[in-house]
N, C-alpha and C. Protein backbone atom coordinates (compact mmCIF):
# COMPACT_ATOMS: atom_id res chain seq x y z
N UNK A 1 0.69 -1.00 -0.47
CA UNK A 1 0.11 -0.10 -0.29
C UNK A 1 1.16 1.07 0.04
N UNK A 2 0.78 2.14 -1.01
CA UNK A 2 1.25 3.22 -0.66
C UNK A 2 0.87 4.16 0.33
N UNK A 3 1.82 5.20 0.87
CA UNK A 3 1.45 6.11 1.74
C UNK A 3 1.96 7.37 1.23
N UNK A 4 1.23 8.69 2.22
CA UNK A 4 1.21 9.64 1.96
C UNK A 4 1.55 10.45 3.42
N UNK A 5 2.77 11.18 3.72
CA UNK A 5 2.60 12.43 4.86
C UNK A 5 1.56 13.24 4.97
N UNK A 6 0.89 13.60 5.51
CA UNK A 6 -0.70 14.35 5.66
C UNK A 6 -0.29 15.46 4.87
N UNK A 7 0.96 16.05 4.74
CA UNK A 7 1.62 17.41 4.79
C UNK A 7 1.39 17.13 2.75
N UNK A 8 1.63 16.25 2.42
CA UNK A 8 2.36 15.51 0.63
C UNK A 8 0.81 15.26 0.63
N UNK A 9 -0.09 14.63 1.50
CA UNK A 9 -1.71 14.57 0.81
C UNK A 9 -2.39 15.85 0.65
N UNK A 10 -2.23 16.48 1.46
CA UNK A 10 -2.98 18.25 0.97
C UNK A 10 -2.19 18.78 -0.07
N UNK A 11 -1.00 18.47 0.29
CA UNK A 11 -0.39 19.67 -1.42
C UNK A 11 -0.59 18.49 -2.46
N UNK A 12 -0.34 18.02 -2.58
CA UNK A 12 -0.48 16.74 -4.04
C UNK A 12 -1.77 15.65 -3.85
N UNK A 13 -2.85 16.80 -3.64
CA UNK A 13 -4.14 15.87 -3.60
C UNK A 13 -4.58 15.03 -4.43
N UNK A 14 -4.69 15.82 -6.18
CA UNK A 14 -4.58 15.34 -7.25
C UNK A 14 -3.87 13.36 -7.39
N UNK A 15 -2.62 14.01 -6.88
CA UNK A 15 -1.76 12.76 -7.49
C UNK A 15 -2.65 11.30 -6.68
N UNK A 16 -2.77 11.74 -4.78
CA UNK A 16 -3.45 10.89 -4.13
C UNK A 16 -4.51 10.07 -4.53
N UNK A 17 -5.44 11.06 -4.97
CA UNK A 17 -6.48 10.91 -5.72
C UNK A 17 -6.84 9.59 -6.80
N UNK A 18 -5.65 10.07 -7.85
CA UNK A 18 -5.00 8.94 -8.82
C UNK A 18 -4.45 7.70 -8.37
N UNK A 19 -3.62 7.56 -7.48
CA UNK A 19 -3.23 6.84 -6.79
C UNK A 19 -4.37 5.63 -6.49
N UNK A 20 -5.37 6.59 -5.27
CA UNK A 20 -6.48 5.74 -4.64
C UNK A 20 -7.48 5.00 -5.85
N UNK A 21 -7.28 5.06 -7.02
CA UNK A 21 -8.37 4.74 -7.57
C UNK A 21 -7.15 3.04 -8.24
N UNK A 22 -6.64 3.25 -8.12
CA UNK A 22 -5.76 1.84 -8.29
C UNK A 22 -4.91 1.32 -7.01
N UNK A 23 -5.49 1.77 -5.83
CA UNK A 23 -5.04 0.68 -4.24
C UNK A 23 -4.78 1.78 -3.62
N UNK A 24 -5.74 1.27 -2.00
CA UNK A 24 -5.53 2.02 -0.99
C UNK A 24 -4.22 2.75 -0.72
N UNK A 25 -4.25 4.30 -0.26
CA UNK A 25 -3.31 4.78 0.23
C UNK A 25 -3.26 5.32 1.43
N UNK A 26 -2.20 4.66 2.21
CA UNK A 26 -2.38 5.38 3.64
C UNK A 26 -1.82 6.95 3.91
N UNK A 27 -2.56 7.31 5.07
CA UNK A 27 -2.28 9.11 4.97
C UNK A 27 -1.71 9.21 6.42
N UNK A 28 -0.68 9.39 6.57
CA UNK A 28 0.83 9.20 7.85
C UNK A 28 0.79 10.66 8.65
N UNK A 29 0.48 10.84 9.93
CA UNK A 29 1.14 11.82 10.82
C UNK A 29 1.97 10.73 11.68
N UNK A 30 2.72 11.73 12.03
CA UNK A 30 4.07 11.57 12.83
C UNK A 30 4.18 9.92 12.54
N UNK A 31 4.50 9.54 11.56
CA UNK A 31 4.77 7.95 11.40
C UNK A 31 4.08 7.32 11.63
N UNK A 32 2.23 7.42 11.86
CA UNK A 32 1.47 6.55 12.32
C UNK A 32 0.32 6.82 10.90
N UNK A 33 -0.37 5.37 10.52
CA UNK A 33 -1.25 5.75 9.91
C UNK A 33 -2.57 6.32 10.05
N UNK A 34 -3.31 7.56 9.86
CA UNK A 34 -4.20 8.21 10.56
C UNK A 34 -5.84 7.85 9.41
N UNK A 35 -4.98 7.48 7.95
CA UNK A 35 -6.97 7.46 7.51
C UNK A 35 -6.43 6.47 6.49
N UNK A 36 -6.92 5.74 5.50
CA UNK A 36 -6.76 5.21 4.02
C UNK A 36 -8.21 5.52 3.43
N UNK A 37 -7.67 5.66 2.36
CA UNK A 37 -8.20 6.37 0.93
C UNK A 37 -8.23 4.94 0.00
N UNK A 38 -8.74 4.96 0.17
CA UNK A 38 -9.72 3.70 -1.28
C UNK A 38 -10.81 4.32 -2.07
N UNK A 39 -10.64 3.56 -3.28
CA UNK A 39 -11.38 3.93 -4.65
C UNK A 39 -12.79 3.42 -4.10
N UNK A 40 -14.04 4.13 -4.61
CA UNK A 40 -15.65 4.22 -4.33
C UNK A 40 -15.74 2.61 -4.83
N UNK A 41 -15.36 2.39 -5.74
CA UNK A 41 -15.39 0.72 -6.22
C UNK A 41 -14.66 -0.25 -5.16
N UNK A 42 -13.48 0.12 -4.63
CA UNK A 42 -13.10 -0.43 -3.49
C UNK A 42 -13.85 -0.48 -2.06
N UNK A 43 -14.38 0.28 -1.95
CA UNK A 43 -15.33 0.52 -0.56
C UNK A 43 -16.67 0.16 -0.63
N UNK A 44 -17.42 0.50 -2.00
CA UNK A 44 -18.57 -0.82 -2.42
C UNK A 44 -18.19 -2.14 -2.22
N UNK A 45 -17.54 -2.89 -3.10
CA UNK A 45 -16.85 -4.03 -2.82
C UNK A 45 -16.91 -4.45 -1.17
N UNK A 46 -16.02 -3.88 -0.17
CA UNK A 46 -16.00 -3.57 1.79
C UNK A 46 -17.40 -3.83 1.99
N UNK A 47 -18.26 -3.19 1.31
CA UNK A 47 -19.17 -2.77 1.97
C UNK A 47 -20.26 -4.17 1.87
N UNK A 48 -20.10 -4.72 0.64
CA UNK A 48 -21.10 -6.19 -0.10
C UNK A 48 -20.66 -7.00 0.76
N UNK A 49 -19.28 -7.35 1.04
CA UNK A 49 -18.76 -8.15 1.94
C UNK A 49 -19.20 -8.14 3.07
N UNK A 50 -18.89 -6.92 3.75
CA UNK A 50 -19.73 -6.91 5.30
C UNK A 50 -21.05 -7.11 5.64
N UNK A 51 -21.67 -6.64 4.90
CA UNK A 51 -23.22 -6.82 4.32
C UNK A 51 -23.36 -8.39 4.13
N UNK A 52 -22.68 -9.53 3.34
CA UNK A 52 -22.73 -10.37 3.57
C UNK A 52 -22.76 -11.61 4.51
N UNK A 53 -21.43 -11.19 5.27
CA UNK A 53 -20.93 -11.33 6.33
C UNK A 53 -22.24 -11.23 7.61
N UNK A 54 -22.75 -10.52 7.62
CA UNK A 54 -23.98 -10.00 9.06
C UNK A 54 -25.07 -11.15 8.16
N UNK A 55 -25.15 -11.05 6.75
CA UNK A 55 -26.12 -11.84 6.55
C UNK A 55 -26.32 -13.54 6.67
N UNK A 56 -25.10 -13.85 6.83
CA UNK A 56 -24.49 -15.41 7.08
C UNK A 56 -24.43 -15.25 8.78
N UNK A 57 -24.08 -14.21 9.74
CA UNK A 57 -24.52 -14.44 10.87
C UNK A 57 -25.87 -14.53 11.34
N UNK A 58 -26.65 -13.87 10.51
CA UNK A 58 -28.13 -13.67 11.33
C UNK A 58 -28.79 -15.22 10.58
N UNK A 59 -28.36 -15.63 9.79
CA UNK A 59 -29.03 -17.02 9.22
C UNK A 59 -28.42 -17.85 10.17
N UNK A 60 -27.18 -18.32 10.24
CA UNK A 60 -27.15 -19.17 11.42
C UNK A 60 -27.47 -19.44 12.22
N UNK A 61 -27.93 -17.67 13.26
CA UNK A 61 -28.93 -17.44 14.37
C UNK A 61 -30.05 -18.39 14.51
N UNK A 62 -30.55 -18.13 12.79
CA UNK A 62 -31.74 -18.94 12.88
C UNK A 62 -31.77 -19.71 12.44
N UNK A 63 -30.82 -20.64 11.90
CA UNK A 63 -30.72 -21.93 11.92
C UNK A 63 -30.56 -22.38 13.10
N UNK A 64 -30.01 -22.25 14.09
CA UNK A 64 -29.81 -22.86 15.27
C UNK A 64 -31.18 -22.53 16.25
N UNK A 65 -31.86 -21.22 15.99
CA UNK A 65 -33.14 -21.14 16.74
C UNK A 65 -32.27 -20.05 17.70
N UNK A 66 -31.44 -19.87 17.34
CA UNK A 66 -30.90 -19.17 19.11
C UNK A 66 -30.54 -18.03 19.23
N UNK A 67 -32.34 -17.27 18.94
CA UNK A 67 -32.35 -15.80 19.10
C UNK A 67 -33.22 -15.44 19.92
N UNK A 68 -33.04 -13.94 20.00
CA UNK A 68 -34.37 -13.37 21.30
C UNK A 68 -34.90 -12.45 20.72
N UNK A 69 -36.02 -12.24 21.33
CA UNK A 69 -36.93 -11.46 20.63
C UNK A 69 -36.54 -9.70 20.15
N UNK A 70 -37.31 -8.80 20.00
CA UNK A 70 -37.22 -7.71 20.52
C UNK A 70 -37.06 -6.92 22.12
N UNK A 71 -38.11 -7.65 22.77
CA UNK A 71 -37.94 -6.72 23.99
C UNK A 71 -36.99 -7.05 24.32
N UNK A 72 -35.96 -8.57 24.62
CA UNK A 72 -34.90 -9.15 25.89
C UNK A 72 -33.90 -8.12 24.44
N UNK A 73 -33.49 -7.84 23.08
CA UNK A 73 -33.26 -7.23 22.38
C UNK A 73 -32.67 -5.45 23.22
N UNK A 74 -34.05 -5.41 23.19
CA UNK A 74 -33.96 -3.73 23.91
C UNK A 74 -33.39 -3.65 24.89
N UNK A 75 -33.48 -4.28 25.90
CA UNK A 75 -32.86 -4.54 27.32
C UNK A 75 -31.72 -4.98 27.51
N UNK A 76 -31.41 -5.74 27.00
CA UNK A 76 -29.83 -6.04 26.82
C UNK A 76 -29.45 -4.94 26.24
N UNK A 77 -29.71 -3.62 25.81
CA UNK A 77 -29.16 -2.88 24.65
C UNK A 77 -29.27 -1.54 26.19
N UNK A 78 -30.31 -1.63 26.98
CA UNK A 78 -30.46 -0.43 27.89
C UNK A 78 -29.48 -1.29 28.79
N UNK A 79 -29.04 -2.54 29.32
CA UNK A 79 -28.34 -2.42 30.03
C UNK A 79 -26.82 -2.38 30.04
N UNK A 80 -26.20 -2.44 28.86
CA UNK A 80 -24.78 -2.18 28.39
C UNK A 80 -24.95 -0.49 28.32
N UNK A 81 -25.80 0.39 27.73
CA UNK A 81 -25.93 1.71 27.96
C UNK A 81 -25.82 2.02 29.08
N UNK A 82 -26.80 1.83 29.93
CA UNK A 82 -26.65 2.11 31.36
C UNK A 82 -25.48 1.48 32.03
N UNK A 83 -24.89 0.71 31.94
CA UNK A 83 -23.88 -0.06 32.43
C UNK A 83 -22.22 1.18 31.88
N UNK A 84 -22.58 1.75 31.10
CA UNK A 84 -21.33 2.76 30.56
C UNK A 84 -22.00 4.15 31.37
N UNK A 85 -22.52 4.20 31.35
CA UNK A 85 -23.57 5.79 32.27
C UNK A 85 -22.67 6.04 33.50
């Protein structure tokens, strides 16, 4: 993966976008990657993969009949949020 320092990314934005159309590009600040820029096609592909993964998780739960109803789900979420407060 190609990388740009944050200052170079700002100053050479057009080149960064051209590179990102071919492969993901890391943006670095103080030697650490702070962002990755990728093409819209790659982003759409990753979104599709994520959607497929979540669908497979839901299918597995349904197949095992290992699910809870909406009331129990809402209560579990409230419990988590209350614990963080």
